[in-house]
Amino acid sequence: MEEEQKVKLYGMWASTYVKRVEVALRAKGIAYEHIEEDLSNKSQALLQYNPVHNKVPVLVHNGKPITESSIILEYIDEPWKQAPRVLPDDPYLKELKFASGLVLSNNRLQLFEGVSQVITRGGEAQEKAIESRAPGNLVGEVFSPYKAQEEVADVQILDPEKNPLILSRVTAWNQLTTVQELLPPRDKIVGPLQFVRKTALGSSG
């Protein structure tokens, strides 16, 4: 019974979807066990708890799985009533925030596609890839490793002159202790990005 009451989070270190769930759990002081998944070799537990999509994050509470980060965030406020609230109490405001989350989720797909283009291209093609990235999509991307991307691709993704408000928000969030504890290590990001860039530019040359 005690095992069932434990809170478990199946995730992956580089997933921003997982990170926003972790921020919510920590902000509310909820003790949880993080179970790291190898997405190239998914555990039987993950496949069992999320048999349809086989994706992270999956929150398991009282032995029951909750999937999709937006649904998990909505769920967290129910059994754990303590402040802070993850979503507003007002149903209308909650719906607005939930809808915004869906928009941001769709934008994340565009964001990751843009990241791939910035890392794997050079010259004029790379400049166009940077320009095509809608800066507004980065508002919720505190955990997007743009600093590592800038270092590897030798470009400036968040321009202080073009995107001052967005940059200030990302900087402020990254200074929070809870966020700092969850930020992926630089070396863990830079290495794979360098490999991807070298491989892509080598094959196109």
C-alpha atoms as a PDB file:
ATOM      1  CA  MET A   1       0.000   0.000   0.000  1.00  0.00           C
ATOM      2  CA  GLU A   2       2.819   2.398   0.889  1.00  0.00           C
ATOM      3  CA  GLU A   3       4.493   1.624  -2.454  1.00  0.00           C
ATOM      4  CA  GLU A   4       1.300   2.514  -4.338  1.00  0.00           C
ATOM      5  CA  GLN A   5       1.019   5.868  -2.566  1.00  0.00           C
ATOM      6  CA  LYS A   6       4.447   6.943  -3.748  1.00  0.00           C
ATOM      7  CA  VAL A   7       4.646   9.542  -6.487  1.00  0.00           C
ATOM      8  CA  LYS A   8       6.727   8.453  -9.461  1.00  0.00           C
ATOM      9  CA  LEU A   9       7.619  10.484 -12.525  1.00  0.00           C
ATOM     10  CA  TYR A  10       8.829   8.663 -15.625  1.00  0.00           C
ATOM     11  CA  GLY A  11      10.849  11.158 -17.606  1.00  0.00           C
ATOM     12  CA  MET A  12      13.917  11.944 -19.639  1.00  0.00           C
ATOM     13  CA  TRP A  13      16.549  14.535 -18.712  1.00  0.00           C
ATOM     14  CA  ALA A  14      16.307  16.572 -21.924  1.00  0.00           C
ATOM     15  CA  SER A  15      12.500  16.774 -22.149  1.00  0.00           C
ATOM     16  CA  THR A  16      11.012  20.232 -21.473  1.00  0.00           C
ATOM     17  CA  TYR A  17       7.622  18.543 -21.006  1.00  0.00           C
ATOM     18  CA  VAL A  18       9.073  16.558 -18.101  1.00  0.00           C
ATOM     19  CA  LYS A  19      10.866  19.589 -16.677  1.00  0.00           C
ATOM     20  CA  ARG A  20       7.732  21.696 -16.351  1.00  0.00           C
ATOM     21  CA  VAL A  21       6.067  18.877 -14.405  1.00  0.00           C
ATOM     22  CA  GLU A  22       9.099  18.653 -12.122  1.00  0.00           C
ATOM     23  CA  VAL A  23       9.009  22.406 -11.491  1.00  0.00           C
ATOM     24  CA  ALA A  24       5.343  22.147 -10.460  1.00  0.00           C
ATOM     25  CA  LEU A  25       6.001  19.185  -8.137  1.00  0.00           C
ATOM     26  CA  ARG A  26       8.936  20.896  -6.456  1.00  0.00           C
ATOM     27  CA  ALA A  27       7.131  24.240  -6.155  1.00  0.00           C
ATOM     28  CA  LYS A  28       4.353  22.505  -4.217  1.00  0.00           C
ATOM     29  CA  GLY A  29       6.801  20.527  -2.109  1.00  0.00           C
ATOM     30  CA  ILE A  30       5.672  17.136  -3.394  1.00  0.00           C
ATOM     31  CA  ALA A  31       8.183  14.348  -2.845  1.00  0.00           C
ATOM     32  CA  TYR A  32       8.557  12.157  -5.921  1.00  0.00           C
ATOM     33  CA  GLU A  33      10.816   9.545  -7.435  1.00  0.00           C
ATOM     34  CA  HIS A  34      12.220  10.432 -10.844  1.00  0.00           C
ATOM     35  CA  ILE A  35      12.659   7.384 -13.051  1.00  0.00           C
ATOM     36  CA  GLU A  36      14.904   8.145 -16.016  1.00  0.00           C
ATOM     37  CA  GLU A  37      13.832   6.549 -19.276  1.00  0.00           C
ATOM     38  CA  ASP A  38      16.031   5.557 -22.181  1.00  0.00           C
ATOM     39  CA  LEU A  39      13.737   6.446 -25.074  1.00  0.00           C
ATOM     40  CA  SER A  40      15.662   4.140 -27.399  1.00  0.00           C
ATOM     41  CA  ASN A  41      14.985   1.252 -25.033  1.00  0.00           C
ATOM     42  CA  LYS A  42      11.795   2.081 -23.127  1.00  0.00           C
ATOM     43  CA  SER A  43      11.037   0.249 -19.911  1.00  0.00           C
ATOM     44  CA  GLN A  44       8.158  -2.190 -19.601  1.00  0.00           C
ATOM     45  CA  ALA A  45       6.714   0.071 -16.903  1.00  0.00           C
ATOM     46  CA  LEU A  46       6.512   3.032 -19.301  1.00  0.00           C
ATOM     47  CA  LEU A  47       4.938   0.885 -22.012  1.00  0.00           C
ATOM     48  CA  GLN A  48       2.439  -0.396 -19.465  1.00  0.00           C
ATOM     49  CA  TYR A  49       1.542   3.007 -18.041  1.00  0.00           C
ATOM     50  CA  ASN A  50       1.337   4.759 -21.426  1.00  0.00           C
ATOM     51  CA  PRO A  51       0.439   1.977 -23.886  1.00  0.00           C
ATOM     52  CA  VAL A  52      -0.991   4.318 -26.537  1.00  0.00           C
ATOM     53  CA  HIS A  53       1.818   6.854 -27.027  1.00  0.00           C
ATOM     54  CA  ASN A  54       4.718   5.274 -25.068  1.00  0.00           C
ATOM     55  CA  LYS A  55       5.951   8.781 -24.215  1.00  0.00           C
ATOM     56  CA  VAL A  56       7.166  10.719 -21.184  1.00  0.00           C
ATOM     57  CA  PRO A  57       6.200  12.292 -18.888  1.00  0.00           C
ATOM     58  CA  VAL A  58       4.057   9.832 -16.977  1.00  0.00           C
ATOM     59  CA  LEU A  59       3.101  10.630 -13.385  1.00  0.00           C
ATOM     60  CA  VAL A  60       2.098   7.649 -11.255  1.00  0.00           C
ATOM     61  CA  HIS A  61       0.123   8.465  -8.090  1.00  0.00           C
ATOM     62  CA  ASN A  62      -1.595   5.854  -5.933  1.00  0.00           C
ATOM     63  CA  GLY A  63      -0.603   3.312  -8.553  1.00  0.00           C
ATOM     64  CA  LYS A  64      -2.531   5.143 -11.275  1.00  0.00           C
ATOM     65  CA  PRO A  65      -0.792   6.740 -14.294  1.00  0.00           C
ATOM     66  CA  ILE A  66      -1.482  10.246 -15.622  1.00  0.00           C
ATOM     67  CA  THR A  67      -0.014  11.069 -19.029  1.00  0.00           C
ATOM     68  CA  GLU A  68       0.547  14.283 -21.028  1.00  0.00           C
ATOM     69  CA  SER A  69       2.240  17.187 -19.226  1.00  0.00           C
ATOM     70  CA  SER A  70      -0.736  19.573 -19.504  1.00  0.00           C
ATOM     71  CA  ILE A  71      -3.084  16.981 -17.969  1.00  0.00           C
ATOM     72  CA  ILE A  72      -0.539  16.189 -15.237  1.00  0.00           C
ATOM     73  CA  LEU A  73      -0.275  19.876 -14.314  1.00  0.00           C
ATOM     74  CA  GLU A  74      -4.048  20.097 -14.040  1.00  0.00           C
ATOM     75  CA  TYR A  75      -4.152  16.943 -11.920  1.00  0.00           C
ATOM     76  CA  ILE A  76      -1.461  18.048  -9.452  1.00  0.00           C
ATOM     77  CA  ASP A  77      -3.725  20.728  -7.933  1.00  0.00           C
ATOM     78  CA  GLU A  78      -6.429  18.195  -7.016  1.00  0.00           C
ATOM     79  CA  PRO A  79      -4.833  15.860  -4.425  1.00  0.00           C
ATOM     80  CA  TRP A  80      -2.330  18.510  -3.283  1.00  0.00           C
ATOM     81  CA  LYS A  81      -4.302  21.620  -2.344  1.00  0.00           C
ATOM     82  CA  GLN A  82      -1.386  23.539  -0.832  1.00  0.00           C
ATOM     83  CA  ALA A  83      -0.055  26.708  -2.444  1.00  0.00           C
ATOM     84  CA  PRO A  84       1.065  27.593  -4.943  1.00  0.00           C
ATOM     85  CA  ARG A  85      -1.660  26.631  -7.374  1.00  0.00           C
ATOM     86  CA  VAL A  86      -0.373  25.331 -10.699  1.00  0.00           C
ATOM     87  CA  LEU A  87      -3.544  26.493 -12.474  1.00  0.00           C
ATOM     88  CA  PRO A  88      -6.004  29.255 -11.472  1.00  0.00           C
ATOM     89  CA  ASP A  89      -9.111  28.381  -9.437  1.00  0.00           C
ATOM     90  CA  ASP A  90     -11.357  30.313 -11.813  1.00  0.00           C
ATOM     91  CA  PRO A  91     -12.670  27.835 -14.451  1.00  0.00           C
ATOM     92  CA  TYR A  92     -12.466  30.426 -17.236  1.00  0.00           C
ATOM     93  CA  LEU A  93      -8.876  31.400 -16.426  1.00  0.00           C
ATOM     94  CA  LYS A  94      -7.985  27.735 -16.038  1.00  0.00           C
ATOM     95  CA  GLU A  95      -9.368  27.015 -19.506  1.00  0.00           C
ATOM     96  CA  LEU A  96      -7.408  29.925 -20.967  1.00  0.00           C
ATOM     97  CA  LYS A  97      -4.197  28.678 -19.380  1.00  0.00           C
ATOM     98  CA  PHE A  98      -4.895  25.120 -20.504  1.00  0.00           C
ATOM     99  CA  ALA A  99      -5.525  26.315 -24.078  1.00  0.00           C
ATOM    100  CA  SER A 100      -2.307  28.339 -23.944  1.00  0.00           C
ATOM    101  CA  GLY A 101      -0.477  25.190 -22.912  1.00  0.00           C
ATOM    102  CA  LEU A 102      -1.779  23.383 -25.983  1.00  0.00           C
ATOM    103  CA  VAL A 103      -0.607  26.249 -28.199  1.00  0.00           C
ATOM    104  CA  LEU A 104       2.829  26.188 -26.560  1.00  0.00           C
ATOM    105  CA  SER A 105       2.998  22.426 -27.039  1.00  0.00           C
ATOM    106  CA  ASN A 106       2.381  22.847 -30.762  1.00  0.00           C
ATOM    107  CA  ASN A 107       4.942  25.639 -30.857  1.00  0.00           C
ATOM    108  CA  ARG A 108       7.506  23.387 -29.190  1.00  0.00           C
ATOM    109  CA  LEU A 109       7.372  21.078 -32.193  1.00  0.00           C
ATOM    110  CA  GLN A 110       8.177  24.067 -34.410  1.00  0.00           C
ATOM    111  CA  LEU A 111      10.860  25.158 -31.946  1.00  0.00           C
ATOM    112  CA  PHE A 112      12.670  21.804 -31.985  1.00  0.00           C
ATOM    113  CA  GLU A 113      12.469  21.712 -35.770  1.00  0.00           C
ATOM    114  CA  GLY A 114      14.020  25.197 -35.809  1.00  0.00           C
ATOM    115  CA  VAL A 115      16.778  24.083 -33.437  1.00  0.00           C
ATOM    116  CA  SER A 116      17.644  21.204 -35.780  1.00  0.00           C
ATOM    117  CA  GLN A 117      17.882  23.577 -38.732  1.00  0.00           C
ATOM    118  CA  VAL A 118      20.099  26.053 -36.843  1.00  0.00           C
ATOM    119  CA  ILE A 119      22.481  23.306 -35.696  1.00  0.00           C
ATOM    120  CA  THR A 120      22.685  21.417 -38.998  1.00  0.00           C
ATOM    121  CA  ARG A 121      23.041  24.377 -41.354  1.00  0.00           C
ATOM    122  CA  GLY A 122      25.601  27.067 -42.048  1.00  0.00           C
ATOM    123  CA  GLY A 123      25.882  30.423 -43.751  1.00  0.00           C
ATOM    124  CA  GLU A 124      22.773  31.928 -45.316  1.00  0.00           C
ATOM    125  CA  ALA A 125      20.663  28.809 -44.669  1.00  0.00           C
ATOM    126  CA  GLN A 126      21.470  29.046 -40.967  1.00  0.00           C
ATOM    127  CA  GLU A 127      20.570  32.754 -40.860  1.00  0.00           C
ATOM    128  CA  LYS A 128      17.213  32.006 -42.449  1.00  0.00           C
ATOM    129  CA  ALA A 129      16.600  29.221 -39.918  1.00  0.00           C
ATOM    130  CA  ILE A 130      17.226  31.645 -37.034  1.00  0.00           C
ATOM    131  CA  GLU A 131      14.947  34.276 -38.547  1.00  0.00           C
ATOM    132  CA  SER A 132      12.187  31.722 -39.109  1.00  0.00           C
ATOM    133  CA  ARG A 133      12.062  30.817 -35.418  1.00  0.00           C
ATOM    134  CA  ALA A 134       9.188  32.739 -33.848  1.00  0.00           C
ATOM    135  CA  PRO A 135      10.695  34.335 -30.699  1.00  0.00           C
ATOM    136  CA  GLY A 136       7.368  34.197 -28.851  1.00  0.00           C
ATOM    137  CA  ASN A 137       7.614  30.422 -28.764  1.00  0.00           C
ATOM    138  CA  LEU A 138      10.584  30.701 -26.414  1.00  0.00           C
ATOM    139  CA  VAL A 139       8.583  32.308 -23.587  1.00  0.00           C
ATOM    140  CA  GLY A 140       7.785  28.911 -22.073  1.00  0.00           C
ATOM    141  CA  GLU A 141      11.077  27.346 -23.111  1.00  0.00           C
ATOM    142  CA  VAL A 142      13.111  28.060 -20.000  1.00  0.00           C
ATOM    143  CA  PHE A 143      14.761  24.683 -20.360  1.00  0.00           C
ATOM    144  CA  SER A 144      15.482  25.044 -24.049  1.00  0.00           C
ATOM    145  CA  PRO A 145      19.315  24.840 -24.125  1.00  0.00           C
ATOM    146  CA  TYR A 146      19.666  27.879 -26.357  1.00  0.00           C
ATOM    147  CA  LYS A 147      23.010  28.842 -24.769  1.00  0.00           C
ATOM    148  CA  ALA A 148      24.500  25.516 -25.812  1.00  0.00           C
ATOM    149  CA  GLN A 149      22.983  25.910 -29.268  1.00  0.00           C
ATOM    150  CA  GLU A 150      24.504  29.375 -29.579  1.00  0.00           C
ATOM    151  CA  GLU A 151      27.891  28.020 -28.514  1.00  0.00           C
ATOM    152  CA  VAL A 152      27.882  25.065 -30.908  1.00  0.00           C
ATOM    153  CA  ALA A 153      26.477  26.918 -33.927  1.00  0.00           C
ATOM    154  CA  ASP A 154      28.375  30.152 -33.149  1.00  0.00           C
ATOM    155  CA  VAL A 155      25.227  32.260 -33.538  1.00  0.00           C
ATOM    156  CA  GLN A 156      22.987  34.456 -31.394  1.00  0.00           C
ATOM    157  CA  ILE A 157      19.535  32.920 -31.076  1.00  0.00           C
ATOM    158  CA  LEU A 158      18.081  35.298 -28.492  1.00  0.00           C
ATOM    159  CA  ASP A 159      19.091  38.806 -29.533  1.00  0.00           C
ATOM    160  CA  PRO A 160      18.967  41.290 -26.602  1.00  0.00           C
ATOM    161  CA  GLU A 161      17.928  44.080 -28.989  1.00  0.00           C
ATOM    162  CA  LYS A 162      15.276  42.118 -30.910  1.00  0.00           C
ATOM    163  CA  ASN A 163      13.916  40.017 -28.025  1.00  0.00           C
ATOM    164  CA  PRO A 164      14.634  41.962 -24.797  1.00  0.00           C
ATOM    165  CA  LEU A 165      11.450  40.935 -22.941  1.00  0.00           C
ATOM    166  CA  ILE A 166      11.728  37.271 -23.824  1.00  0.00           C
ATOM    167  CA  LEU A 167      15.421  37.186 -22.910  1.00  0.00           C
ATOM    168  CA  SER A 168      14.736  38.898 -19.574  1.00  0.00           C
ATOM    169  CA  ARG A 169      11.995  36.367 -18.734  1.00  0.00           C
ATOM    170  CA  VAL A 170      14.139  33.372 -19.635  1.00  0.00           C
ATOM    171  CA  THR A 171      17.061  34.828 -17.640  1.00  0.00           C
ATOM    172  CA  ALA A 172      14.867  35.512 -14.600  1.00  0.00           C
ATOM    173  CA  TRP A 173      13.391  31.986 -14.632  1.00  0.00           C
ATOM    174  CA  ASN A 174      16.826  30.427 -14.994  1.00  0.00           C
ATOM    175  CA  GLN A 175      17.925  32.230 -11.815  1.00  0.00           C
ATOM    176  CA  LEU A 176      15.271  30.498  -9.692  1.00  0.00           C
ATOM    177  CA  THR A 177      16.734  27.809  -7.425  1.00  0.00           C
ATOM    178  CA  THR A 178      14.112  25.240  -8.449  1.00  0.00           C
ATOM    179  CA  VAL A 179      14.877  25.813 -12.119  1.00  0.00           C
ATOM    180  CA  GLN A 180      18.653  25.803 -11.631  1.00  0.00           C
ATOM    181  CA  GLU A 181      18.436  22.401  -9.943  1.00  0.00           C
ATOM    182  CA  LEU A 182      16.696  20.990 -13.014  1.00  0.00           C
ATOM    183  CA  LEU A 183      18.741  22.575 -15.791  1.00  0.00           C
ATOM    184  CA  PRO A 184      20.546  19.944 -17.898  1.00  0.00           C
ATOM    185  CA  PRO A 185      24.362  19.979 -17.531  1.00  0.00           C
ATOM    186  CA  ARG A 186      26.097  21.976 -20.273  1.00  0.00           C
ATOM    187  CA  ASP A 187      28.493  19.173 -21.233  1.00  0.00           C
ATOM    188  CA  LYS A 188      25.627  16.727 -21.590  1.00  0.00           C
ATOM    189  CA  ILE A 189      24.062  18.987 -24.237  1.00  0.00           C
ATOM    190  CA  VAL A 190      27.067  20.438 -26.056  1.00  0.00           C
ATOM    191  CA  GLY A 191      28.645  17.091 -26.935  1.00  0.00           C
ATOM    192  CA  PRO A 192      25.662  15.625 -28.831  1.00  0.00           C
ATOM    193  CA  LEU A 193      24.974  18.967 -30.553  1.00  0.00           C
ATOM    194  CA  GLN A 194      28.579  19.180 -31.743  1.00  0.00           C
ATOM    195  CA  PHE A 195      28.365  15.635 -33.109  1.00  0.00           C
ATOM    196  CA  VAL A 196      25.092  16.373 -34.944  1.00  0.00           C
ATOM    197  CA  ARG A 197      26.468  19.605 -36.429  1.00  0.00           C
ATOM    198  CA  LYS A 198      29.760  18.042 -37.518  1.00  0.00           C
ATOM    199  CA  THR A 199      27.957  15.095 -39.110  1.00  0.00           C
ATOM    200  CA  ALA A 200      25.412  17.297 -40.917  1.00  0.00           C
ATOM    201  CA  LEU A 201      27.930  19.812 -42.265  1.00  0.00           C
ATOM    202  CA  GLY A 202      30.340  17.019 -43.214  1.00  0.00           C
ATOM    203  CA  SER A 203      27.710  15.175 -45.223  1.00  0.00           C
ATOM    204  CA  SER A 204      26.579  18.351 -47.009  1.00  0.00           C
ATOM    205  CA  GLY A 205      30.113  19.386 -47.893  1.00  0.00           C
END
